[in-house]
Structures are given as structure tokens and as C-alpha cells.
């Protein structure tokens, strides 16, 4: 009986620890799941008829020193429960460093999009920006994904860059 109580207490503590990771941009320690660890579900896709393209940093660029990622979307902004997340690898050792979510996406005017940026392949883009604080390390490779609170894993936006 004592072992059952200890196991139940450990499960509650582990669940609280995972839940406390929240959506605060902490780097996870697992290569297979983002922070926070959502319940596996249907893979994410952008909303119907919405196009999404990473425009900054330029895909495959190197020497990036900003912690901002900008996407173009059309024909309307993404719903507020959509977020960007990145998987981060140490380029030199090809070691997985973690996964983190960016801050809430914010609509920004084109004048605030850092340059150079990619021209999206669709008309009338709306620009949305997300910041990733505290995880930028020299020589890291970032791979960009889109997800929301109702699905996992995210949609790979086919954009990676190096710091």
C-alpha cells in the first residue's frame, strides 16, 4: 500500500512539474516533444485556406543575432491560439538542445519586418512576429514550426537558420 501511495504522489509531482513548464519559453530536455508537453493529437495545420511563410530570418541564413521570427500569412491573421516554436540544435556537435515556444504572435506592419526578408509567394500578406527570449547561442540551428493549443506536433514551416 505504501508503494502505491508513493507512486501516486510521484505521478502528481511529475504532472505538476510538466504543467508548470507552461508557455514561458523554457527549453525542454526531450528531442521528441515541445514545451509545454501537449497531449498527442491530430497533427497541426494552418486554418483552412490560410497560407503561411517564414519571411525573417531568411531560410538557411547564418549569423543571425536576433531572437525574432516573422511570418507572412494570408488572407487573414492566424487565430490567437497559434504560436511558433523552434527546435534548437548545436550545429558543431549536432546535439539536440531543446524545443521552445515563442511569445504570442503580434501583427506588425511591413516597415517593422527586419531586412533582408523573404517576399511571400502570395498576395496581400499580413506580417506576424514572435520573439524567443534567452535561448540564442552562437552556432545553433533553429528549425521553425507552427502549432496551436489543440494539436501536436506542429507544422514544419520548412525554415531553418543558424545563429
N, C-alpha and C. Protein backbone atom coordinates (compact mmCIF):
# COMPACT_ATOMS: atom_id res chain seq x y z
N UNK A 1 0.82 -1.19 0.00
CA UNK A 1 0.00 0.00 0.00
C UNK A 1 0.86 1.26 0.00
N UNK A 2 1.94 1.20 0.81
CA UNK A 2 2.85 2.35 0.90
C UNK A 2 3.45 2.66 -0.47
N UNK A 3 3.82 1.62 -1.23
CA UNK A 3 4.40 1.81 -2.57
C UNK A 3 3.38 2.45 -3.52
N UNK A 4 2.12 2.10 -3.41
CA UNK A 4 1.08 2.68 -4.26
C UNK A 4 0.92 4.16 -3.95
N UNK A 5 0.94 4.52 -2.67
CA UNK A 5 0.80 5.92 -2.28
C UNK A 5 2.01 6.72 -2.79
N UNK A 6 3.21 6.17 -2.65
CA UNK A 6 4.43 6.85 -3.13
C UNK A 6 4.38 7.02 -4.64
N UNK A 7 3.95 5.98 -5.37
CA UNK A 7 3.87 6.06 -6.84
C UNK A 7 2.83 7.11 -7.25
N UNK A 8 1.69 7.15 -6.57
CA UNK A 8 0.67 8.14 -6.90
C UNK A 8 1.18 9.56 -6.62
N UNK A 9 1.86 9.74 -5.50
CA UNK A 9 2.42 11.05 -5.18
C UNK A 9 3.46 11.46 -6.23
N UNK A 10 4.30 10.53 -6.65
CA UNK A 10 5.32 10.83 -7.68
C UNK A 10 4.65 11.23 -8.99
N UNK A 11 3.57 10.57 -9.35
CA UNK A 11 2.86 10.90 -10.59
C UNK A 11 2.28 12.31 -10.51
N UNK A 12 1.72 12.68 -9.35
CA UNK A 12 1.16 14.02 -9.18
C UNK A 12 2.27 15.07 -9.27
N UNK A 13 3.41 14.82 -8.61
CA UNK A 13 4.53 15.76 -8.65
C UNK A 13 5.05 15.89 -10.08
N UNK A 14 5.21 14.78 -10.81
CA UNK A 14 5.68 14.83 -12.19
C UNK A 14 4.69 15.60 -13.06
N UNK A 15 3.41 15.35 -12.90
CA UNK A 15 2.40 16.08 -13.67
C UNK A 15 2.44 17.56 -13.39
N UNK A 16 2.61 17.94 -12.14
CA UNK A 16 2.70 19.36 -11.78
C UNK A 16 3.95 19.99 -12.37
N UNK A 17 5.04 19.24 -12.37
CA UNK A 17 6.29 19.77 -12.95
C UNK A 17 6.13 20.01 -14.44
N UNK A 18 5.51 19.08 -15.13
CA UNK A 18 5.30 19.25 -16.58
C UNK A 18 4.35 20.41 -16.83
N UNK A 19 3.28 20.50 -16.07
CA UNK A 19 2.31 21.59 -16.27
C UNK A 19 2.94 22.94 -15.96
N UNK A 20 3.86 22.98 -14.99
CA UNK A 20 4.47 24.26 -14.63
C UNK A 20 5.40 24.79 -15.70
N UNK A 21 5.81 23.94 -16.63
CA UNK A 21 6.63 24.43 -17.73
C UNK A 21 5.88 25.51 -18.48
N UNK A 22 4.57 25.32 -18.59
CA UNK A 22 3.72 26.33 -19.20
C UNK A 22 4.18 26.75 -20.57
N UNK A 23 3.85 27.98 -20.91
CA UNK A 23 4.14 28.51 -22.23
C UNK A 23 5.11 29.66 -22.09
N UNK A 24 6.17 29.44 -21.31
CA UNK A 24 7.04 30.54 -20.95
C UNK A 24 8.36 30.56 -21.69
N UNK A 25 8.53 29.74 -22.69
CA UNK A 25 9.75 29.79 -23.47
C UNK A 25 10.89 28.99 -22.89
N UNK A 26 10.66 28.15 -21.88
CA UNK A 26 11.74 27.33 -21.36
C UNK A 26 12.10 26.24 -22.35
N UNK A 27 13.36 25.87 -22.36
CA UNK A 27 13.82 24.82 -23.25
C UNK A 27 13.55 23.47 -22.61
N UNK A 28 12.96 22.58 -23.34
CA UNK A 28 12.67 21.24 -22.87
C UNK A 28 13.93 20.38 -22.98
N UNK A 29 13.90 19.22 -22.33
CA UNK A 29 15.05 18.33 -22.38
C UNK A 29 14.83 17.15 -23.29
N UNK A 30 13.71 17.05 -23.94
CA UNK A 30 13.40 15.92 -24.79
C UNK A 30 13.39 16.32 -26.26
N UNK A 31 14.00 15.48 -27.09
CA UNK A 31 14.05 15.79 -28.52
C UNK A 31 12.73 15.53 -29.22
N UNK A 32 11.81 14.85 -28.58
CA UNK A 32 10.61 14.45 -29.31
C UNK A 32 9.37 15.28 -28.99
N UNK A 33 9.40 16.12 -27.97
CA UNK A 33 8.21 16.88 -27.63
C UNK A 33 8.56 18.32 -27.31
N UNK A 34 7.68 19.26 -27.66
CA UNK A 34 7.92 20.66 -27.33
C UNK A 34 7.48 20.98 -25.91
N UNK A 35 7.86 22.13 -25.41
CA UNK A 35 7.39 22.63 -24.13
C UNK A 35 6.27 23.61 -24.42
N UNK A 36 5.12 23.57 -23.82
CA UNK A 36 4.69 22.54 -22.89
C UNK A 36 4.36 21.25 -23.61
N UNK A 37 4.34 20.15 -22.88
CA UNK A 37 4.09 18.85 -23.49
C UNK A 37 2.60 18.67 -23.67
N UNK A 38 2.09 18.88 -24.90
CA UNK A 38 0.65 18.71 -25.10
C UNK A 38 0.28 17.24 -25.24
N UNK A 39 -0.98 16.96 -25.10
CA UNK A 39 -1.47 15.61 -25.33
C UNK A 39 -1.36 15.32 -26.82
N UNK A 40 -0.75 14.20 -27.22
CA UNK A 40 -0.67 13.91 -28.66
C UNK A 40 -2.06 13.93 -29.28
N UNK A 41 -2.11 14.51 -30.45
CA UNK A 41 -3.40 14.64 -31.13
C UNK A 41 -3.15 14.67 -32.62
N UNK A 42 -4.15 15.11 -33.34
CA UNK A 42 -4.03 15.27 -34.78
C UNK A 42 -2.93 16.28 -35.06
N UNK A 43 -2.05 16.01 -36.03
CA UNK A 43 -1.01 16.99 -36.36
C UNK A 43 -1.62 18.33 -36.74
N UNK A 44 -0.91 19.40 -36.40
CA UNK A 44 -1.39 20.76 -36.68
C UNK A 44 -1.28 21.09 -38.16
N UNK A 45 -2.20 21.89 -38.59
CA UNK A 45 -2.13 22.50 -39.91
C UNK A 45 -2.64 23.92 -39.74
N UNK A 46 -2.23 24.82 -40.62
CA UNK A 46 -2.81 26.17 -40.55
C UNK A 46 -4.32 26.08 -40.80
N UNK A 47 -5.07 27.09 -40.37
CA UNK A 47 -6.51 27.09 -40.65
C UNK A 47 -6.77 26.95 -42.15
N UNK A 48 -7.93 26.44 -42.48
CA UNK A 48 -8.30 26.24 -43.89
C UNK A 48 -8.13 27.53 -44.68
N UNK A 49 -7.53 27.40 -45.84
CA UNK A 49 -7.33 28.50 -46.79
C UNK A 49 -6.37 29.59 -46.32
N UNK A 50 -5.63 29.36 -45.24
CA UNK A 50 -4.64 30.33 -44.78
C UNK A 50 -3.25 29.86 -45.19
N UNK A 51 -2.51 30.74 -45.83
CA UNK A 51 -1.15 30.45 -46.26
C UNK A 51 -0.18 31.04 -45.23
N UNK A 52 0.92 30.33 -45.00
CA UNK A 52 1.92 30.76 -44.02
C UNK A 52 3.31 30.59 -44.61
N UNK A 53 4.16 31.60 -44.43
CA UNK A 53 5.54 31.55 -44.93
C UNK A 53 6.45 32.30 -43.95
N UNK A 54 7.56 31.68 -43.53
CA UNK A 54 8.55 32.41 -42.74
C UNK A 54 9.24 33.39 -43.67
N UNK A 55 9.30 34.66 -43.25
CA UNK A 55 9.95 35.67 -44.08
C UNK A 55 11.22 36.22 -43.44
N UNK A 56 11.35 36.08 -42.10
CA UNK A 56 12.57 36.52 -41.41
C UNK A 56 12.76 35.66 -40.18
N UNK A 57 13.98 35.21 -39.96
CA UNK A 57 15.18 35.31 -40.80
C UNK A 57 15.01 34.52 -42.10
N UNK A 58 15.79 34.92 -43.07
CA UNK A 58 15.75 34.21 -44.34
C UNK A 58 16.09 32.74 -44.11
N UNK A 59 15.33 31.84 -44.73
CA UNK A 59 15.66 30.42 -44.60
C UNK A 59 17.11 30.15 -45.01
N UNK A 60 17.76 29.30 -44.24
CA UNK A 60 19.15 28.87 -44.45
C UNK A 60 20.17 29.98 -44.21
N UNK A 61 19.75 31.10 -43.60
CA UNK A 61 20.71 32.17 -43.32
C UNK A 61 21.58 31.79 -42.13
N UNK A 62 22.70 32.45 -42.00
CA UNK A 62 23.65 32.18 -40.91
C UNK A 62 24.01 33.49 -40.22
N UNK A 63 24.55 33.37 -39.02
CA UNK A 63 24.97 34.55 -38.27
C UNK A 63 23.83 35.39 -37.74
N UNK A 64 22.66 34.79 -37.54
CA UNK A 64 21.50 35.53 -37.05
C UNK A 64 21.72 35.89 -35.58
N UNK A 65 21.51 37.15 -35.24
CA UNK A 65 21.70 37.60 -33.87
C UNK A 65 20.40 38.07 -33.21
N UNK A 66 19.31 38.07 -33.94
CA UNK A 66 18.03 38.48 -33.38
C UNK A 66 17.29 37.26 -32.87
N UNK A 67 16.39 37.47 -31.92
CA UNK A 67 15.56 36.38 -31.42
C UNK A 67 14.13 36.53 -31.91
N UNK A 68 13.96 37.20 -33.04
CA UNK A 68 12.64 37.46 -33.62
C UNK A 68 12.45 36.61 -34.87
N UNK A 69 11.26 36.02 -35.00
CA UNK A 69 10.87 35.32 -36.22
C UNK A 69 9.61 35.99 -36.73
N UNK A 70 9.58 36.28 -38.04
CA UNK A 70 8.42 36.92 -38.65
C UNK A 70 7.87 35.99 -39.73
N UNK A 71 6.55 35.81 -39.71
CA UNK A 71 5.87 35.03 -40.74
C UNK A 71 4.93 35.95 -41.51
N UNK A 72 4.65 35.57 -42.74
CA UNK A 72 3.61 36.23 -43.53
C UNK A 72 2.46 35.24 -43.62
N UNK A 73 1.25 35.75 -43.48
CA UNK A 73 0.05 34.92 -43.59
C UNK A 73 -0.95 35.63 -44.49
N UNK A 74 -1.86 34.87 -45.07
CA UNK A 74 -2.93 35.46 -45.89
C UNK A 74 -4.03 34.41 -46.00
N UNK A 75 -5.27 34.79 -46.08
CA UNK A 75 -5.78 36.14 -46.27
C UNK A 75 -6.11 36.87 -44.96
N UNK A 76 -5.97 36.20 -43.78
CA UNK A 76 -6.25 36.86 -42.50
C UNK A 76 -5.21 36.42 -41.47
N UNK A 77 -5.08 37.17 -40.36
CA UNK A 77 -4.13 36.75 -39.32
C UNK A 77 -4.51 35.37 -38.76
N UNK A 78 -3.53 34.70 -38.18
CA UNK A 78 -3.80 33.43 -37.53
C UNK A 78 -4.64 33.65 -36.28
N UNK A 79 -5.45 32.67 -35.90
CA UNK A 79 -6.17 32.77 -34.62
C UNK A 79 -5.16 32.91 -33.47
N UNK A 80 -5.58 33.49 -32.37
CA UNK A 80 -4.66 33.81 -31.28
C UNK A 80 -4.07 32.60 -30.57
N UNK A 81 -4.63 31.40 -30.76
CA UNK A 81 -4.05 30.23 -30.11
C UNK A 81 -2.89 29.62 -30.91
N UNK A 82 -2.56 30.17 -32.06
CA UNK A 82 -1.41 29.68 -32.84
C UNK A 82 -0.13 30.33 -32.35
N UNK A 83 0.92 29.53 -32.30
CA UNK A 83 2.24 30.02 -31.88
C UNK A 83 3.31 29.36 -32.73
N UNK A 84 4.45 30.04 -32.76
CA UNK A 84 5.64 29.44 -33.37
C UNK A 84 6.42 28.72 -32.28
N UNK A 85 7.05 27.62 -32.65
CA UNK A 85 8.05 27.03 -31.77
C UNK A 85 9.23 26.60 -32.60
N UNK A 86 10.36 26.44 -31.94
CA UNK A 86 11.59 26.05 -32.62
C UNK A 86 12.21 24.86 -31.93
N UNK A 87 12.87 24.03 -32.74
CA UNK A 87 13.78 23.03 -32.20
C UNK A 87 15.17 23.60 -32.39
N UNK A 88 16.01 23.44 -31.39
CA UNK A 88 17.34 24.06 -31.39
C UNK A 88 18.40 22.96 -31.29
N UNK A 89 19.38 23.03 -32.21
CA UNK A 89 20.48 22.07 -32.24
C UNK A 89 21.80 22.82 -32.20
N UNK A 90 22.79 22.25 -31.49
CA UNK A 90 24.15 22.76 -31.56
C UNK A 90 24.71 22.28 -32.90
N UNK A 91 25.05 23.21 -33.77
CA UNK A 91 25.47 22.86 -35.12
C UNK A 91 26.76 22.07 -35.14
N UNK A 92 27.72 22.45 -34.32
CA UNK A 92 29.03 21.79 -34.34
C UNK A 92 28.95 20.32 -33.95
N UNK A 93 28.16 20.01 -32.93
CA UNK A 93 28.09 18.63 -32.45
C UNK A 93 26.83 17.90 -32.89
N UNK A 94 25.92 18.60 -33.58
CA UNK A 94 24.62 18.06 -33.97
C UNK A 94 23.89 17.49 -32.76
N UNK A 95 23.98 18.22 -31.64
CA UNK A 95 23.34 17.81 -30.40
C UNK A 95 22.03 18.58 -30.23
N UNK A 96 20.97 17.86 -29.93
CA UNK A 96 19.69 18.49 -29.67
C UNK A 96 19.76 19.26 -28.36
N UNK A 97 19.39 20.54 -28.39
CA UNK A 97 19.43 21.37 -27.19
C UNK A 97 18.06 21.57 -26.56
N UNK A 98 17.00 21.45 -27.35
CA UNK A 98 15.68 21.61 -26.77
C UNK A 98 14.69 22.20 -27.75
N UNK A 99 13.49 22.41 -27.25
CA UNK A 99 12.38 22.97 -28.01
C UNK A 99 11.78 24.08 -27.17
N UNK A 100 11.41 25.17 -27.81
CA UNK A 100 10.79 26.27 -27.06
C UNK A 100 9.76 26.99 -27.91
N UNK A 101 8.72 27.49 -27.25
CA UNK A 101 7.71 28.31 -27.90
C UNK A 101 8.11 29.77 -27.83
N UNK A 102 7.75 30.52 -28.86
CA UNK A 102 7.95 31.96 -28.84
C UNK A 102 6.80 32.64 -28.13
N UNK A 103 6.92 33.95 -27.99
CA UNK A 103 5.86 34.74 -27.39
C UNK A 103 4.67 34.80 -28.35
N UNK A 104 3.55 35.30 -27.85
CA UNK A 104 2.33 35.42 -28.64
C UNK A 104 2.63 36.14 -29.96
N UNK A 105 2.11 35.62 -31.06
CA UNK A 105 2.27 36.29 -32.36
C UNK A 105 1.57 37.64 -32.34
N UNK A 106 2.26 38.64 -32.89
CA UNK A 106 1.72 40.00 -32.97
C UNK A 106 1.73 40.45 -34.42
N UNK A 107 0.65 41.03 -34.90
CA UNK A 107 0.61 41.60 -36.24
C UNK A 107 1.50 42.84 -36.24
N UNK A 108 2.40 42.93 -37.22
CA UNK A 108 3.30 44.08 -37.34
C UNK A 108 3.23 44.61 -38.77
N UNK A 109 3.45 45.92 -38.95
CA UNK A 109 3.49 46.46 -40.31
C UNK A 109 4.77 46.02 -41.01
N UNK A 110 4.73 46.00 -42.33
CA UNK A 110 5.91 45.58 -43.09
C UNK A 110 7.13 46.41 -42.72
N UNK A 111 6.95 47.68 -42.39
CA UNK A 111 8.07 48.56 -42.04
C UNK A 111 8.83 48.04 -40.82
N UNK A 112 8.20 47.21 -39.99
CA UNK A 112 8.87 46.65 -38.80
C UNK A 112 9.47 45.27 -39.04
N UNK A 113 9.36 44.76 -40.25
CA UNK A 113 9.96 43.46 -40.56
C UNK A 113 11.45 43.70 -40.82
N UNK A 114 12.34 43.02 -40.05
CA UNK A 114 13.77 43.21 -40.29
C UNK A 114 14.13 42.83 -41.72
N UNK A 115 15.17 43.46 -42.23
CA UNK A 115 15.62 43.20 -43.60
C UNK A 115 17.03 42.63 -43.56
N UNK A 116 17.40 41.78 -44.50
CA UNK A 116 16.58 41.33 -45.63
C UNK A 116 15.54 40.31 -45.18
N UNK A 117 14.43 40.30 -45.88
CA UNK A 117 13.37 39.33 -45.61
C UNK A 117 12.89 38.73 -46.92
N UNK A 118 12.21 37.62 -46.82
CA UNK A 118 11.70 36.90 -47.98
C UNK A 118 10.37 37.52 -48.43
N UNK A 119 10.17 37.60 -49.72
CA UNK A 119 8.86 38.01 -50.26
C UNK A 119 7.98 36.78 -50.31
N UNK A 120 6.83 36.82 -49.62
CA UNK A 120 5.96 35.63 -49.63
C UNK A 120 5.41 35.37 -51.02
N UNK A 121 5.10 34.12 -51.33
CA UNK A 121 4.61 33.76 -52.67
C UNK A 121 3.10 33.95 -52.83
N UNK A 122 2.50 34.81 -52.03
CA UNK A 122 1.06 35.05 -52.13
C UNK A 122 0.78 36.55 -51.96
N UNK A 123 -0.39 36.96 -52.43
CA UNK A 123 -0.77 38.38 -52.42
C UNK A 123 -1.29 38.81 -51.05
N UNK A 124 -1.16 40.07 -50.77
CA UNK A 124 -1.72 40.74 -49.60
C UNK A 124 -1.31 40.07 -48.27
N UNK A 125 0.00 39.91 -48.05
CA UNK A 125 0.43 39.27 -46.81
C UNK A 125 0.18 40.14 -45.58
N UNK A 126 -0.07 39.47 -44.49
CA UNK A 126 -0.16 40.09 -43.17
C UNK A 126 1.04 39.55 -42.41
N UNK A 127 1.80 40.43 -41.77
CA UNK A 127 3.02 40.01 -41.09
C UNK A 127 2.75 39.83 -39.60
N UNK A 128 3.23 38.70 -39.07
CA UNK A 128 3.10 38.41 -37.64
C UNK A 128 4.48 38.06 -37.10
N UNK A 129 4.77 38.58 -35.92
CA UNK A 129 6.10 38.44 -35.33
C UNK A 129 6.01 37.76 -33.96
N UNK A 130 7.04 36.96 -33.65
CA UNK A 130 7.16 36.32 -32.35
C UNK A 130 8.61 36.42 -31.89
N UNK A 131 8.80 36.68 -30.60
CA UNK A 131 10.14 36.77 -30.04
C UNK A 131 10.43 35.55 -29.18
N UNK A 132 11.68 35.13 -29.20
CA UNK A 132 12.16 33.99 -28.44
C UNK A 132 13.25 34.50 -27.51
N UNK A 133 12.97 34.65 -26.26
CA UNK A 133 13.94 35.24 -25.34
C UNK A 133 14.84 34.23 -24.66
N UNK A 134 16.09 34.60 -24.51
CA UNK A 134 17.00 33.89 -23.64
C UNK A 134 17.61 32.59 -24.12
N UNK A 135 17.43 32.18 -25.36
CA UNK A 135 17.99 30.89 -25.76
C UNK A 135 18.95 31.00 -26.93
N UNK A 136 19.28 32.20 -27.37
CA UNK A 136 20.11 32.36 -28.55
C UNK A 136 21.56 32.07 -28.20
N UNK A 137 22.12 31.01 -28.80
CA UNK A 137 23.52 30.67 -28.59
C UNK A 137 24.24 30.64 -29.92
N UNK A 138 25.47 31.08 -29.95
CA UNK A 138 26.24 31.08 -31.19
C UNK A 138 26.39 29.67 -31.73
N UNK A 139 26.21 29.51 -33.02
CA UNK A 139 26.41 28.21 -33.66
C UNK A 139 25.24 27.26 -33.54
N UNK A 140 24.07 27.76 -33.16
CA UNK A 140 22.89 26.90 -33.05
C UNK A 140 22.09 26.93 -34.35
N UNK A 141 21.41 25.83 -34.64
CA UNK A 141 20.49 25.76 -35.76
C UNK A 141 19.08 25.73 -35.21
N UNK A 142 18.23 26.63 -35.71
CA UNK A 142 16.83 26.71 -35.30
C UNK A 142 15.96 26.21 -36.45
N UNK A 143 15.00 25.33 -36.17
CA UNK A 143 14.01 24.86 -37.13
C UNK A 143 12.65 25.37 -36.66
N UNK A 144 11.89 25.97 -37.56
CA UNK A 144 10.66 26.69 -37.18
C UNK A 144 9.41 25.86 -37.47
N UNK A 145 8.48 25.85 -36.48
CA UNK A 145 7.22 25.11 -36.57
C UNK A 145 6.07 26.01 -36.15
N UNK A 146 4.87 25.67 -36.60
CA UNK A 146 3.64 26.36 -36.22
C UNK A 146 2.74 25.36 -35.51
N UNK A 147 2.18 25.74 -34.36
CA UNK A 147 1.28 24.85 -33.62
C UNK A 147 0.22 25.70 -32.94
N UNK A 148 -0.77 25.01 -32.37
CA UNK A 148 -1.74 25.72 -31.53
C UNK A 148 -2.03 24.87 -30.31
N UNK A 149 -2.86 25.38 -29.44
CA UNK A 149 -3.10 24.71 -28.17
C UNK A 149 -3.92 23.43 -28.30
N UNK A 150 -4.44 23.16 -29.48
CA UNK A 150 -5.30 21.98 -29.66
C UNK A 150 -4.66 20.86 -30.46
N UNK A 151 -3.40 20.99 -30.83
CA UNK A 151 -2.82 19.95 -31.66
C UNK A 151 -1.31 19.84 -31.44
N UNK A 152 -0.78 18.68 -31.77
CA UNK A 152 0.64 18.40 -31.72
C UNK A 152 0.87 17.17 -32.58
N UNK A 153 1.92 17.05 -33.35
CA UNK A 153 3.03 18.00 -33.47
C UNK A 153 2.68 19.16 -34.39
N UNK A 154 3.53 20.16 -34.40
CA UNK A 154 3.31 21.36 -35.22
C UNK A 154 3.62 21.11 -36.69
N UNK A 155 3.26 22.09 -37.49
CA UNK A 155 3.56 22.08 -38.92
C UNK A 155 4.97 22.61 -39.13
N UNK A 156 5.81 21.83 -39.77
CA UNK A 156 7.16 22.28 -40.09
C UNK A 156 7.02 23.34 -41.18
N UNK A 157 7.52 24.55 -40.90
CA UNK A 157 7.42 25.64 -41.87
C UNK A 157 8.59 25.64 -42.85
N UNK A 158 9.35 24.55 -42.87
CA UNK A 158 10.46 24.38 -43.82
C UNK A 158 11.40 25.58 -43.81
N UNK A 159 11.71 26.03 -42.61
CA UNK A 159 12.63 27.15 -42.47
C UNK A 159 13.58 26.87 -41.32
N UNK A 160 14.84 26.92 -41.59
CA UNK A 160 15.84 26.80 -40.54
C UNK A 160 16.90 27.86 -40.78
N UNK A 161 17.57 28.26 -39.71
CA UNK A 161 18.63 29.25 -39.81
C UNK A 161 19.63 29.00 -38.68
N UNK A 162 20.80 29.61 -38.79
CA UNK A 162 21.87 29.41 -37.82
C UNK A 162 22.23 30.73 -37.16
N UNK A 163 22.51 30.63 -35.87
CA UNK A 163 22.92 31.80 -35.11
C UNK A 163 24.43 31.98 -35.20
